[in-house]
N, C-alpha and C. Protein backbone atom coordinates (compact mmCIF):
# COMPACT_ATOMS: atom_id res chain seq x y z
N UNK A 1 134.08 -79.01 115.08
CA UNK A 1 134.93 -80.19 115.24
C UNK A 1 134.58 -81.26 114.23
N UNK A 2 133.35 -81.48 114.04
CA UNK A 2 132.94 -82.52 113.08
C UNK A 2 133.34 -82.14 111.67
N UNK A 3 133.22 -80.89 111.32
CA UNK A 3 133.60 -80.47 109.96
C UNK A 3 135.08 -80.63 109.72
N UNK A 4 135.88 -80.40 110.73
CA UNK A 4 137.33 -80.54 110.56
C UNK A 4 137.73 -81.98 110.45
N UNK A 5 137.04 -82.89 111.11
CA UNK A 5 137.39 -84.31 111.07
C UNK A 5 137.01 -84.96 109.77
N UNK A 6 136.05 -84.40 109.08
CA UNK A 6 135.59 -85.02 107.83
C UNK A 6 136.49 -84.68 106.65
N UNK A 7 137.37 -83.74 106.71
CA UNK A 7 138.17 -83.33 105.55
C UNK A 7 139.14 -84.40 105.08
N UNK A 8 139.87 -85.06 105.93
CA UNK A 8 140.78 -86.11 105.41
C UNK A 8 140.05 -87.24 104.75
N UNK A 9 138.85 -87.57 105.27
CA UNK A 9 138.09 -88.66 104.68
C UNK A 9 137.65 -88.32 103.27
N UNK A 10 137.17 -87.11 103.07
CA UNK A 10 136.74 -86.71 101.72
C UNK A 10 137.92 -86.66 100.77
N UNK A 11 139.08 -86.26 101.22
CA UNK A 11 140.25 -86.24 100.34
C UNK A 11 140.68 -87.64 99.96
N UNK A 12 140.57 -88.60 100.88
CA UNK A 12 140.96 -89.97 100.57
C UNK A 12 140.01 -90.61 99.61
N UNK A 13 138.74 -90.26 99.68
CA UNK A 13 137.75 -90.86 98.78
C UNK A 13 137.90 -90.32 97.37
N UNK A 14 138.00 -89.04 97.24
CA UNK A 14 138.06 -88.43 95.90
C UNK A 14 139.43 -88.57 95.28
N UNK A 15 140.48 -88.83 96.02
CA UNK A 15 141.83 -88.93 95.50
C UNK A 15 142.45 -87.61 95.14
N UNK A 16 141.90 -86.57 95.59
CA UNK A 16 142.40 -85.24 95.28
C UNK A 16 143.50 -84.89 96.25
N UNK A 17 144.59 -84.38 95.68
CA UNK A 17 145.69 -83.96 96.53
C UNK A 17 145.89 -82.47 96.36
N UNK A 18 146.07 -81.78 97.41
CA UNK A 18 146.28 -80.34 97.30
C UNK A 18 147.59 -80.03 96.61
N UNK A 19 147.64 -78.84 96.03
CA UNK A 19 148.83 -78.40 95.30
C UNK A 19 150.03 -78.37 96.22
N UNK A 20 151.15 -78.82 95.73
CA UNK A 20 152.37 -78.81 96.52
C UNK A 20 152.55 -80.02 97.38
N UNK A 21 151.59 -80.99 97.31
CA UNK A 21 151.72 -82.17 98.16
C UNK A 21 152.69 -83.18 97.59
N UNK A 22 152.92 -83.23 96.16
CA UNK A 22 153.86 -84.16 95.55
C UNK A 22 155.28 -83.66 95.69
N UNK A 23 156.15 -84.64 95.82
CA UNK A 23 157.57 -84.28 95.93
C UNK A 23 158.12 -83.97 94.55
N UNK A 24 158.92 -82.96 94.38
CA UNK A 24 159.49 -82.63 93.04
C UNK A 24 160.43 -83.72 92.57
N UNK A 25 160.37 -84.01 91.23
CA UNK A 25 161.24 -85.02 90.63
C UNK A 25 162.64 -84.47 90.49
N UNK A 26 163.61 -85.33 90.62
CA UNK A 26 165.00 -84.83 90.48
C UNK A 26 165.27 -84.38 89.04
N UNK A 27 166.08 -83.35 88.93
CA UNK A 27 166.35 -82.75 87.61
C UNK A 27 167.30 -83.59 86.78
N UNK A 28 168.07 -84.41 87.34
CA UNK A 28 169.08 -85.17 86.59
C UNK A 28 168.53 -86.37 85.85
N UNK A 29 167.26 -86.74 86.04
CA UNK A 29 166.72 -87.95 85.41
C UNK A 29 166.57 -87.78 83.92
N UNK A 30 166.14 -86.59 83.43
CA UNK A 30 165.94 -86.37 81.99
C UNK A 30 167.26 -86.44 81.24
N UNK A 31 168.30 -85.78 81.74
CA UNK A 31 169.59 -85.82 81.06
C UNK A 31 170.17 -87.22 81.08
N UNK A 32 169.95 -87.94 82.21
CA UNK A 32 170.48 -89.31 82.27
C UNK A 32 169.79 -90.21 81.27
N UNK A 33 168.49 -90.01 81.06
CA UNK A 33 167.75 -90.84 80.11
C UNK A 33 168.10 -90.49 78.68
N UNK A 34 168.48 -89.23 78.40
CA UNK A 34 168.77 -88.83 77.03
C UNK A 34 170.19 -89.19 76.60
N UNK A 35 171.09 -89.47 77.56
CA UNK A 35 172.47 -89.80 77.21
C UNK A 35 172.57 -91.09 76.39
N UNK A 36 171.91 -92.21 76.72
CA UNK A 36 172.01 -93.40 75.86
C UNK A 36 171.49 -93.16 74.44
N UNK A 37 170.44 -92.32 74.31
CA UNK A 37 169.92 -92.03 72.98
C UNK A 37 170.95 -91.28 72.14
N UNK A 38 171.63 -90.30 72.74
CA UNK A 38 172.66 -89.55 72.02
C UNK A 38 173.80 -90.45 71.61
N UNK A 39 174.21 -91.35 72.53
CA UNK A 39 175.30 -92.27 72.18
C UNK A 39 174.90 -93.19 71.03
N UNK A 40 173.63 -93.66 71.05
CA UNK A 40 173.16 -94.53 69.97
C UNK A 40 173.13 -93.80 68.63
N UNK A 41 172.66 -92.52 68.66
CA UNK A 41 172.64 -91.74 67.43
C UNK A 41 174.05 -91.53 66.89
N UNK A 42 175.01 -91.26 67.77
CA UNK A 42 176.39 -91.07 67.34
C UNK A 42 176.97 -92.33 66.72
N UNK A 43 176.67 -93.48 67.33
CA UNK A 43 177.16 -94.74 66.78
C UNK A 43 176.55 -95.02 65.41
N UNK A 44 175.25 -94.73 65.28
CA UNK A 44 174.61 -94.92 63.97
C UNK A 44 175.22 -94.01 62.92
N UNK A 45 175.53 -92.75 63.30
CA UNK A 45 176.13 -91.83 62.34
C UNK A 45 177.51 -92.31 61.91
N UNK A 46 178.30 -92.83 62.86
CA UNK A 46 179.63 -93.33 62.52
C UNK A 46 179.53 -94.53 61.60
N UNK A 47 178.58 -95.44 61.91
CA UNK A 47 178.41 -96.62 61.06
C UNK A 47 177.96 -96.23 59.65
N UNK A 48 177.03 -95.28 59.55
CA UNK A 48 176.56 -94.85 58.23
C UNK A 48 177.68 -94.18 57.44
N UNK A 49 178.52 -93.36 58.13
CA UNK A 49 179.64 -92.73 57.44
C UNK A 49 180.64 -93.76 56.95
N UNK A 50 180.91 -94.77 57.81
CA UNK A 50 181.85 -95.83 57.40
C UNK A 50 181.31 -96.63 56.23
N UNK A 51 180.01 -96.92 56.25
CA UNK A 51 179.43 -97.68 55.14
C UNK A 51 179.44 -96.87 53.85
N UNK A 52 179.18 -95.54 53.96
CA UNK A 52 179.23 -94.70 52.77
C UNK A 52 180.63 -94.62 52.19
N UNK A 53 181.65 -94.49 53.06
CA UNK A 53 183.02 -94.44 52.57
C UNK A 53 183.43 -95.76 51.92
N UNK A 54 182.99 -96.88 52.54
CA UNK A 54 183.30 -98.18 51.94
C UNK A 54 182.63 -98.34 50.59
N UNK A 55 181.38 -97.89 50.49
CA UNK A 55 180.67 -97.98 49.21
C UNK A 55 181.32 -97.10 48.16
N UNK A 56 181.77 -95.89 48.56
CA UNK A 56 182.43 -95.01 47.59
C UNK A 56 183.76 -95.59 47.12
N UNK A 57 184.51 -96.22 48.07
CA UNK A 57 185.77 -96.85 47.68
C UNK A 57 185.54 -98.00 46.71
N UNK A 58 184.52 -98.82 46.98
CA UNK A 58 184.23 -99.94 46.08
C UNK A 58 183.78 -99.44 44.71
N UNK A 59 182.99 -98.35 44.70
CA UNK A 59 182.56 -97.77 43.42
C UNK A 59 183.75 -97.23 42.64
N UNK A 60 184.68 -96.57 43.35
CA UNK A 60 185.86 -96.04 42.68
C UNK A 60 186.73 -97.15 42.11
N UNK A 61 186.89 -98.24 42.89
CA UNK A 61 187.69 -99.36 42.38
C UNK A 61 187.03 -100.02 41.18
N UNK A 62 185.69 -100.13 41.22
CA UNK A 62 184.99 -100.71 40.08
C UNK A 62 185.12 -99.84 38.84
N UNK A 63 185.02 -98.51 39.02
CA UNK A 63 185.15 -97.62 37.88
C UNK A 63 186.56 -97.66 37.31
N UNK A 64 187.57 -97.75 38.21
CA UNK A 64 188.96 -97.86 37.73
C UNK A 64 189.17 -99.14 36.96
N UNK A 65 188.60 -100.24 37.48
CA UNK A 65 188.74 -101.52 36.78
C UNK A 65 188.04 -101.50 35.43
N UNK A 66 186.85 -100.87 35.38
CA UNK A 66 186.14 -100.80 34.11
C UNK A 66 186.88 -99.93 33.10
N UNK A 67 187.51 -98.82 33.58
CA UNK A 67 188.27 -97.97 32.67
C UNK A 67 189.48 -98.70 32.11
N UNK A 68 190.19 -99.43 33.00
CA UNK A 68 191.36 -100.17 32.51
C UNK A 68 190.95 -101.27 31.55
N UNK A 69 189.80 -101.91 31.82
CA UNK A 69 189.32 -102.94 30.91
C UNK A 69 188.91 -102.34 29.58
N UNK A 70 188.32 -101.11 29.62
CA UNK A 70 187.88 -100.48 28.39
C UNK A 70 189.06 -100.04 27.53
N UNK A 71 190.17 -99.58 28.20
CA UNK A 71 191.30 -99.10 27.42
C UNK A 71 192.14 -100.23 26.85
N UNK A 72 192.18 -101.37 27.52
CA UNK A 72 192.99 -102.47 27.03
C UNK A 72 192.31 -103.14 25.85
N UNK A 73 193.03 -103.36 24.76
CA UNK A 73 192.42 -104.01 23.60
C UNK A 73 192.17 -105.48 23.88
N UNK A 74 191.23 -106.08 23.19
CA UNK A 74 190.95 -107.50 23.42
C UNK A 74 192.12 -108.37 23.01
N UNK A 75 192.23 -109.51 23.67
CA UNK A 75 193.37 -110.40 23.42
C UNK A 75 193.24 -111.10 22.07
N UNK A 76 192.03 -111.41 21.65
CA UNK A 76 191.84 -112.09 20.37
C UNK A 76 191.73 -113.58 20.54
N UNK A 77 190.58 -114.13 20.22
CA UNK A 77 190.36 -115.57 20.28
C UNK A 77 190.69 -116.20 18.93
N UNK A 78 190.81 -117.53 18.89
CA UNK A 78 191.08 -118.18 17.59
C UNK A 78 190.02 -117.86 16.54
N UNK A 79 188.75 -117.76 16.97
CA UNK A 79 187.70 -117.40 16.02
C UNK A 79 187.91 -116.00 15.45
N UNK A 80 188.41 -115.08 16.29
CA UNK A 80 188.68 -113.73 15.80
C UNK A 80 189.82 -113.72 14.78
N UNK A 81 190.83 -114.51 15.02
CA UNK A 81 191.92 -114.59 14.05
C UNK A 81 191.47 -115.24 12.75
N UNK A 82 190.55 -116.17 12.83
CA UNK A 82 189.99 -116.73 11.60
C UNK A 82 189.23 -115.67 10.81
N UNK A 83 188.53 -114.79 11.54
CA UNK A 83 187.85 -113.69 10.86
C UNK A 83 188.85 -112.73 10.22
N UNK A 84 189.98 -112.52 10.89
CA UNK A 84 191.01 -111.67 10.31
C UNK A 84 191.54 -112.27 9.01
N UNK A 85 191.78 -113.57 9.01
CA UNK A 85 192.24 -114.23 7.78
C UNK A 85 191.18 -114.15 6.68
N UNK A 86 189.92 -114.29 7.08
CA UNK A 86 188.84 -114.19 6.08
C UNK A 86 188.75 -112.78 5.52
N UNK A 87 188.90 -111.77 6.37
CA UNK A 87 188.87 -110.39 5.88
C UNK A 87 190.07 -110.09 4.99
N UNK A 88 191.21 -110.69 5.28
CA UNK A 88 192.38 -110.49 4.43
C UNK A 88 192.16 -111.12 3.05
N UNK A 89 191.59 -112.34 3.05
CA UNK A 89 191.26 -112.97 1.76
C UNK A 89 190.23 -112.16 1.00
N UNK A 90 189.26 -111.58 1.73
CA UNK A 90 188.26 -110.73 1.09
C UNK A 90 188.89 -109.47 0.50
N UNK A 91 189.92 -108.95 1.16
CA UNK A 91 190.61 -107.77 0.63
C UNK A 91 191.34 -108.13 -0.67
N UNK A 92 191.96 -109.33 -0.71
CA UNK A 92 192.60 -109.76 -1.96
C UNK A 92 191.60 -109.94 -3.08
N UNK A 93 190.43 -110.51 -2.75
CA UNK A 93 189.38 -110.65 -3.76
C UNK A 93 188.86 -109.29 -4.23
N UNK A 94 188.77 -108.32 -3.31
CA UNK A 94 188.35 -106.97 -3.69
C UNK A 94 189.36 -106.32 -4.62
N UNK A 95 190.66 -106.59 -4.38
CA UNK A 95 191.68 -106.05 -5.30
C UNK A 95 191.54 -106.65 -6.69
N UNK A 96 191.25 -107.96 -6.74
CA UNK A 96 191.07 -108.61 -8.05
C UNK A 96 189.87 -108.03 -8.78
N UNK A 97 188.74 -107.87 -8.08
CA UNK A 97 187.55 -107.29 -8.71
C UNK A 97 187.76 -105.83 -9.09
N UNK A 98 188.52 -105.10 -8.24
CA UNK A 98 188.78 -103.69 -8.54
C UNK A 98 189.56 -103.52 -9.83
N UNK A 99 190.55 -104.38 -10.05
CA UNK A 99 191.32 -104.31 -11.29
C UNK A 99 190.48 -104.77 -12.48
N UNK A 100 189.66 -105.80 -12.26
CA UNK A 100 188.86 -106.35 -13.36
C UNK A 100 187.81 -105.35 -13.85
N UNK A 101 187.16 -104.63 -12.92
CA UNK A 101 186.10 -103.69 -13.30
C UNK A 101 186.60 -102.25 -13.42
N UNK A 102 187.89 -102.07 -13.46
CA UNK A 102 188.43 -100.71 -13.56
C UNK A 102 188.13 -100.06 -14.91
N UNK A 103 188.13 -100.79 -16.03
CA UNK A 103 187.88 -100.12 -17.33
C UNK A 103 186.40 -99.90 -17.64
N UNK A 104 185.56 -99.73 -16.65
CA UNK A 104 184.13 -99.49 -16.91
C UNK A 104 183.92 -98.10 -17.52
N UNK A 105 182.87 -98.01 -18.32
CA UNK A 105 182.49 -96.74 -18.95
C UNK A 105 181.01 -96.48 -18.70
N UNK A 106 180.68 -95.22 -18.53
CA UNK A 106 179.29 -94.78 -18.51
C UNK A 106 179.05 -94.01 -19.80
N UNK A 107 178.62 -94.77 -20.81
CA UNK A 107 178.56 -94.19 -22.15
C UNK A 107 179.96 -94.08 -22.70
N UNK A 108 180.38 -92.86 -22.94
CA UNK A 108 181.75 -92.62 -23.40
C UNK A 108 182.66 -92.08 -22.30
N UNK A 109 182.14 -92.04 -21.07
CA UNK A 109 182.90 -91.47 -19.94
C UNK A 109 183.48 -92.61 -19.12
N UNK A 110 184.78 -92.60 -18.81
CA UNK A 110 185.36 -93.64 -17.94
C UNK A 110 184.78 -93.52 -16.53
N UNK A 111 184.49 -94.67 -15.95
CA UNK A 111 183.88 -94.70 -14.62
C UNK A 111 184.62 -95.73 -13.75
N UNK A 112 185.75 -95.35 -13.19
CA UNK A 112 186.51 -96.29 -12.34
C UNK A 112 185.92 -96.38 -10.93
N UNK A 113 184.68 -96.86 -10.83
CA UNK A 113 184.00 -96.92 -9.54
C UNK A 113 184.63 -97.96 -8.62
N UNK A 114 185.32 -98.96 -9.20
CA UNK A 114 185.94 -99.98 -8.36
C UNK A 114 187.07 -99.42 -7.51
N UNK A 115 187.66 -98.30 -7.92
CA UNK A 115 188.69 -97.67 -7.10
C UNK A 115 188.11 -97.15 -5.79
N UNK A 116 186.91 -96.58 -5.86
CA UNK A 116 186.26 -96.10 -4.64
C UNK A 116 185.88 -97.26 -3.74
N UNK A 117 185.45 -98.38 -4.32
CA UNK A 117 185.11 -99.56 -3.52
C UNK A 117 186.34 -100.10 -2.79
N UNK A 118 187.47 -100.15 -3.51
CA UNK A 118 188.71 -100.61 -2.87
C UNK A 118 189.14 -99.69 -1.74
N UNK A 119 188.99 -98.38 -1.92
CA UNK A 119 189.34 -97.44 -0.85
C UNK A 119 188.44 -97.62 0.37
N UNK A 120 187.15 -97.88 0.14
CA UNK A 120 186.24 -98.10 1.27
C UNK A 120 186.61 -99.36 2.05
N UNK A 121 186.98 -100.41 1.33
CA UNK A 121 187.37 -101.65 2.02
C UNK A 121 188.66 -101.44 2.80
N UNK A 122 189.59 -100.69 2.24
CA UNK A 122 190.85 -100.44 2.94
C UNK A 122 190.66 -99.54 4.17
N UNK A 123 189.63 -98.75 4.17
CA UNK A 123 189.33 -97.94 5.37
C UNK A 123 188.67 -98.79 6.45
N UNK A 124 187.89 -99.77 6.07
CA UNK A 124 187.10 -100.54 7.04
C UNK A 124 187.83 -101.77 7.57
N UNK A 125 188.55 -102.49 6.71
CA UNK A 125 189.14 -103.77 7.10
C UNK A 125 190.20 -103.66 8.19
N UNK A 126 191.19 -102.76 8.12
CA UNK A 126 192.19 -102.71 9.19
C UNK A 126 191.61 -102.39 10.56
N UNK A 127 190.67 -101.46 10.63
CA UNK A 127 190.09 -101.12 11.93
C UNK A 127 189.27 -102.28 12.49
N UNK A 128 188.58 -102.99 11.63
CA UNK A 128 187.80 -104.13 12.10
C UNK A 128 188.72 -105.24 12.62
N UNK A 129 189.81 -105.50 11.92
CA UNK A 129 190.74 -106.54 12.37
C UNK A 129 191.38 -106.16 13.71
N UNK A 130 191.66 -104.88 13.90
CA UNK A 130 192.25 -104.46 15.18
C UNK A 130 191.24 -104.59 16.32
N UNK A 131 189.99 -104.26 16.05
CA UNK A 131 188.98 -104.40 17.10
C UNK A 131 188.76 -105.85 17.48
N UNK A 132 188.94 -106.75 16.55
CA UNK A 132 188.75 -108.17 16.84
C UNK A 132 189.89 -108.74 17.68
N UNK A 133 191.12 -108.34 17.40
CA UNK A 133 192.27 -108.98 18.02
C UNK A 133 193.10 -108.05 18.90
N UNK A 134 193.04 -106.74 18.67
CA UNK A 134 193.90 -105.83 19.41
C UNK A 134 195.36 -105.92 18.97
N UNK A 135 195.61 -106.40 17.77
CA UNK A 135 196.97 -106.61 17.27
C UNK A 135 197.21 -105.73 16.05
N UNK A 136 198.37 -105.05 16.03
CA UNK A 136 198.71 -104.23 14.88
C UNK A 136 199.02 -105.06 13.64
N UNK A 137 199.73 -106.19 13.74
CA UNK A 137 199.90 -107.02 12.53
C UNK A 137 198.58 -107.46 11.91
N UNK A 138 197.59 -107.74 12.77
CA UNK A 138 196.27 -108.11 12.23
C UNK A 138 195.63 -106.94 11.50
N UNK A 139 195.88 -105.71 11.95
CA UNK A 139 195.33 -104.54 11.27
C UNK A 139 196.04 -104.28 9.94
N UNK A 140 197.32 -104.57 9.89
CA UNK A 140 198.09 -104.31 8.67
C UNK A 140 197.86 -105.39 7.61
N UNK A 141 197.49 -106.61 8.03
CA UNK A 141 197.41 -107.74 7.11
C UNK A 141 196.46 -107.52 5.93
N UNK A 142 195.20 -107.09 6.12
CA UNK A 142 194.33 -106.91 4.94
C UNK A 142 194.83 -105.83 3.99
N UNK A 143 195.43 -104.77 4.52
CA UNK A 143 195.98 -103.73 3.65
C UNK A 143 197.15 -104.26 2.84
N UNK A 144 198.00 -105.07 3.48
CA UNK A 144 199.15 -105.63 2.77
C UNK A 144 198.69 -106.59 1.66
N UNK A 145 197.67 -107.40 1.97
CA UNK A 145 197.16 -108.34 0.96
C UNK A 145 196.56 -107.59 -0.22
N UNK A 146 195.78 -106.57 0.05
CA UNK A 146 195.15 -105.80 -1.03
C UNK A 146 196.20 -105.14 -1.91
N UNK A 147 197.19 -104.51 -1.29
CA UNK A 147 198.20 -103.80 -2.06
C UNK A 147 199.05 -104.78 -2.88
N UNK A 148 199.40 -105.92 -2.29
CA UNK A 148 200.22 -106.90 -3.01
C UNK A 148 199.49 -107.45 -4.23
N UNK A 149 198.22 -107.81 -4.05
CA UNK A 149 197.44 -108.36 -5.17
C UNK A 149 197.24 -107.30 -6.25
N UNK A 150 196.96 -106.07 -5.84
CA UNK A 150 196.73 -105.00 -6.83
C UNK A 150 198.00 -104.73 -7.64
N UNK A 151 199.13 -104.60 -6.97
CA UNK A 151 200.38 -104.31 -7.69
C UNK A 151 200.77 -105.48 -8.59
N UNK A 152 200.57 -106.71 -8.11
CA UNK A 152 200.91 -107.87 -8.94
C UNK A 152 200.05 -107.91 -10.20
N UNK A 153 198.76 -107.61 -10.07
CA UNK A 153 197.89 -107.60 -11.24
C UNK A 153 198.24 -106.47 -12.21
N UNK A 154 198.67 -105.34 -11.67
CA UNK A 154 199.04 -104.22 -12.54
C UNK A 154 200.34 -104.52 -13.29
N UNK A 155 201.30 -105.15 -12.61
CA UNK A 155 202.60 -105.41 -13.24
C UNK A 155 202.62 -106.71 -14.06
N UNK A 156 201.60 -107.55 -13.89
CA UNK A 156 201.60 -108.83 -14.63
C UNK A 156 201.42 -108.57 -16.13
N UNK A 157 202.01 -109.46 -16.92
CA UNK A 157 201.95 -109.33 -18.37
C UNK A 157 201.05 -110.42 -18.95
N UNK A 158 200.46 -110.10 -20.08
CA UNK A 158 199.58 -111.05 -20.75
C UNK A 158 200.43 -112.17 -21.36
N UNK A 159 200.16 -113.44 -20.99
CA UNK A 159 200.99 -114.52 -21.56
C UNK A 159 200.73 -114.74 -23.05
N UNK A 160 199.58 -114.32 -23.54
CA UNK A 160 199.26 -114.52 -24.96
C UNK A 160 199.87 -113.40 -25.80
N UNK A 161 199.65 -112.16 -25.35
CA UNK A 161 200.19 -111.00 -26.07
C UNK A 161 201.38 -110.48 -25.26
N UNK A 162 202.55 -110.83 -25.68
CA UNK A 162 203.76 -110.49 -24.94
C UNK A 162 203.98 -108.97 -24.95
N UNK A 163 204.30 -108.47 -23.75
CA UNK A 163 204.56 -107.03 -23.62
C UNK A 163 203.34 -106.21 -23.34
N UNK A 164 202.17 -106.83 -23.35
CA UNK A 164 200.92 -106.10 -23.09
C UNK A 164 200.52 -106.36 -21.63
N UNK A 165 200.10 -105.32 -20.89
CA UNK A 165 199.67 -105.55 -19.51
C UNK A 165 198.47 -106.48 -19.45
N UNK A 166 198.38 -107.20 -18.35
CA UNK A 166 197.28 -108.15 -18.18
C UNK A 166 195.96 -107.46 -17.89
N UNK A 167 196.01 -106.32 -17.28
CA UNK A 167 194.78 -105.69 -16.78
C UNK A 167 194.27 -104.60 -17.71
N UNK A 168 194.77 -103.41 -17.56
CA UNK A 168 194.26 -102.25 -18.30
C UNK A 168 195.25 -101.89 -19.40
N UNK A 169 194.78 -101.98 -20.64
CA UNK A 169 195.66 -101.67 -21.77
C UNK A 169 195.73 -100.16 -21.98
N UNK A 170 194.58 -99.52 -22.01
CA UNK A 170 194.52 -98.07 -22.21
C UNK A 170 193.97 -97.41 -20.95
N UNK A 171 194.35 -96.18 -20.78
CA UNK A 171 193.85 -95.46 -19.61
C UNK A 171 194.52 -95.90 -18.32
N UNK A 172 195.84 -95.87 -18.29
CA UNK A 172 196.56 -96.29 -17.10
C UNK A 172 196.38 -95.34 -15.92
N UNK A 173 195.84 -94.16 -16.17
CA UNK A 173 195.58 -93.24 -15.06
C UNK A 173 194.58 -93.81 -14.08
N UNK A 174 193.69 -94.68 -14.57
CA UNK A 174 192.73 -95.31 -13.68
C UNK A 174 193.42 -96.26 -12.68
N UNK A 175 194.48 -96.89 -13.14
CA UNK A 175 195.26 -97.74 -12.23
C UNK A 175 195.89 -96.89 -11.13
N UNK A 176 196.38 -95.73 -11.49
CA UNK A 176 196.97 -94.84 -10.49
C UNK A 176 195.91 -94.35 -9.49
N UNK A 177 194.70 -94.11 -10.01
CA UNK A 177 193.61 -93.70 -9.10
C UNK A 177 193.28 -94.82 -8.12
N UNK A 178 193.22 -96.06 -8.63
CA UNK A 178 192.89 -97.18 -7.75
C UNK A 178 193.97 -97.39 -6.69
N UNK A 179 195.23 -97.43 -7.14
CA UNK A 179 196.31 -97.64 -6.18
C UNK A 179 196.46 -96.46 -5.21
N UNK A 180 196.25 -95.26 -5.73
CA UNK A 180 196.39 -94.08 -4.87
C UNK A 180 195.32 -94.01 -3.79
N UNK A 181 194.06 -94.17 -4.21
CA UNK A 181 192.97 -94.10 -3.23
C UNK A 181 193.05 -95.23 -2.21
N UNK A 182 193.33 -96.45 -2.69
CA UNK A 182 193.42 -97.58 -1.77
C UNK A 182 194.56 -97.44 -0.78
N UNK A 183 195.72 -96.97 -1.27
CA UNK A 183 196.87 -96.81 -0.38
C UNK A 183 196.64 -95.71 0.64
N UNK A 184 196.05 -94.60 0.21
CA UNK A 184 195.77 -93.52 1.15
C UNK A 184 194.76 -93.95 2.23
N UNK A 185 193.72 -94.67 1.81
CA UNK A 185 192.73 -95.13 2.78
C UNK A 185 193.35 -96.12 3.76
N UNK A 186 194.18 -97.05 3.25
CA UNK A 186 194.82 -98.02 4.13
C UNK A 186 195.79 -97.34 5.10
N UNK A 187 196.57 -96.38 4.60
CA UNK A 187 197.52 -95.68 5.47
C UNK A 187 196.79 -94.87 6.55
N UNK A 188 195.69 -94.21 6.17
CA UNK A 188 194.93 -93.45 7.15
C UNK A 188 194.31 -94.35 8.21
N UNK A 189 193.77 -95.49 7.78
CA UNK A 189 193.14 -96.40 8.73
C UNK A 189 194.15 -97.00 9.71
N UNK A 190 195.27 -97.48 9.17
CA UNK A 190 196.31 -98.06 10.04
C UNK A 190 196.91 -96.98 10.94
N UNK A 191 197.09 -95.77 10.42
CA UNK A 191 197.61 -94.68 11.25
C UNK A 191 196.68 -94.32 12.39
N UNK A 192 195.39 -94.30 12.14
CA UNK A 192 194.44 -94.01 13.22
C UNK A 192 194.43 -95.12 14.26
N UNK A 193 194.54 -96.36 13.81
CA UNK A 193 194.61 -97.48 14.76
C UNK A 193 195.86 -97.37 15.63
N UNK A 194 196.99 -97.03 15.00
CA UNK A 194 198.23 -96.88 15.74
C UNK A 194 198.12 -95.72 16.75
N UNK A 195 197.52 -94.62 16.34
CA UNK A 195 197.32 -93.50 17.27
C UNK A 195 196.43 -93.86 18.44
N UNK A 196 195.35 -94.58 18.19
CA UNK A 196 194.48 -95.01 19.29
C UNK A 196 195.22 -95.94 20.24
N UNK A 197 196.05 -96.80 19.70
CA UNK A 197 196.82 -97.73 20.54
C UNK A 197 197.80 -96.97 21.44
N UNK A 198 198.52 -96.00 20.89
CA UNK A 198 199.44 -95.19 21.69
C UNK A 198 198.71 -94.38 22.74
N UNK A 199 197.55 -93.83 22.40
CA UNK A 199 196.78 -93.05 23.36
C UNK A 199 196.32 -93.91 24.53
N UNK A 200 195.87 -95.12 24.24
CA UNK A 200 195.44 -96.02 25.31
C UNK A 200 196.61 -96.41 26.21
N UNK A 201 197.78 -96.64 25.62
CA UNK A 201 198.94 -96.98 26.44
C UNK A 201 199.35 -95.83 27.35
N UNK A 202 199.34 -94.61 26.80
CA UNK A 202 199.69 -93.45 27.63
C UNK A 202 198.68 -93.23 28.74
N UNK A 203 197.40 -93.43 28.45
CA UNK A 203 196.38 -93.27 29.49
C UNK A 203 196.55 -94.31 30.59
N UNK A 204 196.89 -95.55 30.22
CA UNK A 204 197.11 -96.60 31.22
C UNK A 204 198.33 -96.29 32.07
N UNK A 205 199.40 -95.80 31.46
CA UNK A 205 200.60 -95.45 32.22
C UNK A 205 200.34 -94.28 33.18
N UNK A 206 199.58 -93.30 32.75
CA UNK A 206 199.27 -92.19 33.64
C UNK A 206 198.41 -92.62 34.81
N UNK A 207 197.45 -93.51 34.56
CA UNK A 207 196.61 -93.99 35.66
C UNK A 207 197.42 -94.81 36.65
N UNK A 208 198.28 -95.67 36.14
CA UNK A 208 199.09 -96.50 37.04
C UNK A 208 200.09 -95.63 37.81
N UNK A 209 200.66 -94.60 37.17
CA UNK A 209 201.58 -93.71 37.87
C UNK A 209 200.88 -92.83 38.88
N UNK A 210 199.68 -92.35 38.54
CA UNK A 210 198.93 -91.52 39.49
C UNK A 210 198.34 -92.32 40.63
N UNK A 211 198.00 -93.62 40.37
CA UNK A 211 197.45 -94.45 41.45
C UNK A 211 198.50 -94.87 42.43
């Protein structure tokens, strides 16, 4: 009898509970606790997807704006037009120097090196003027000035010796080389500028039609 009465006391002191004495926890508590976490994860995924789509749309709009800005030629500031006028005057001065130094010789060999210099200027000046202003008349202006000055100097007559050309008395083939090379270079440069302008316009129209 004494041994049986002492068992509950020893269990209360040690805190030991026999197996099966605790009540089983309900099974629905784990799923109920995990439901808010799943909803939160889903909301975060939706928000991240929306932010990614918004960022991609903004990136696409920025790229489209940059492409349209890149294809459109610059409007041209007053300082740029002043540079165009200066380049046109420089082209006229190059024509004058080209005619003046056309009768050069290397020993006994004719060396019309100024014709090559004029052709190089005619290749560079129109493209530079177009990049500054985005205007075709600005691109044509230096070529027109060079050709006008060159032809006027070739056709001008010496006021002292009537009937004698002002520039090159002998070796008129060098004049043809100068005018030919300069005209071809100017035509090629202006033609390439015109082609680039048409290509940019077509690209802009296709983008606006496709958008």
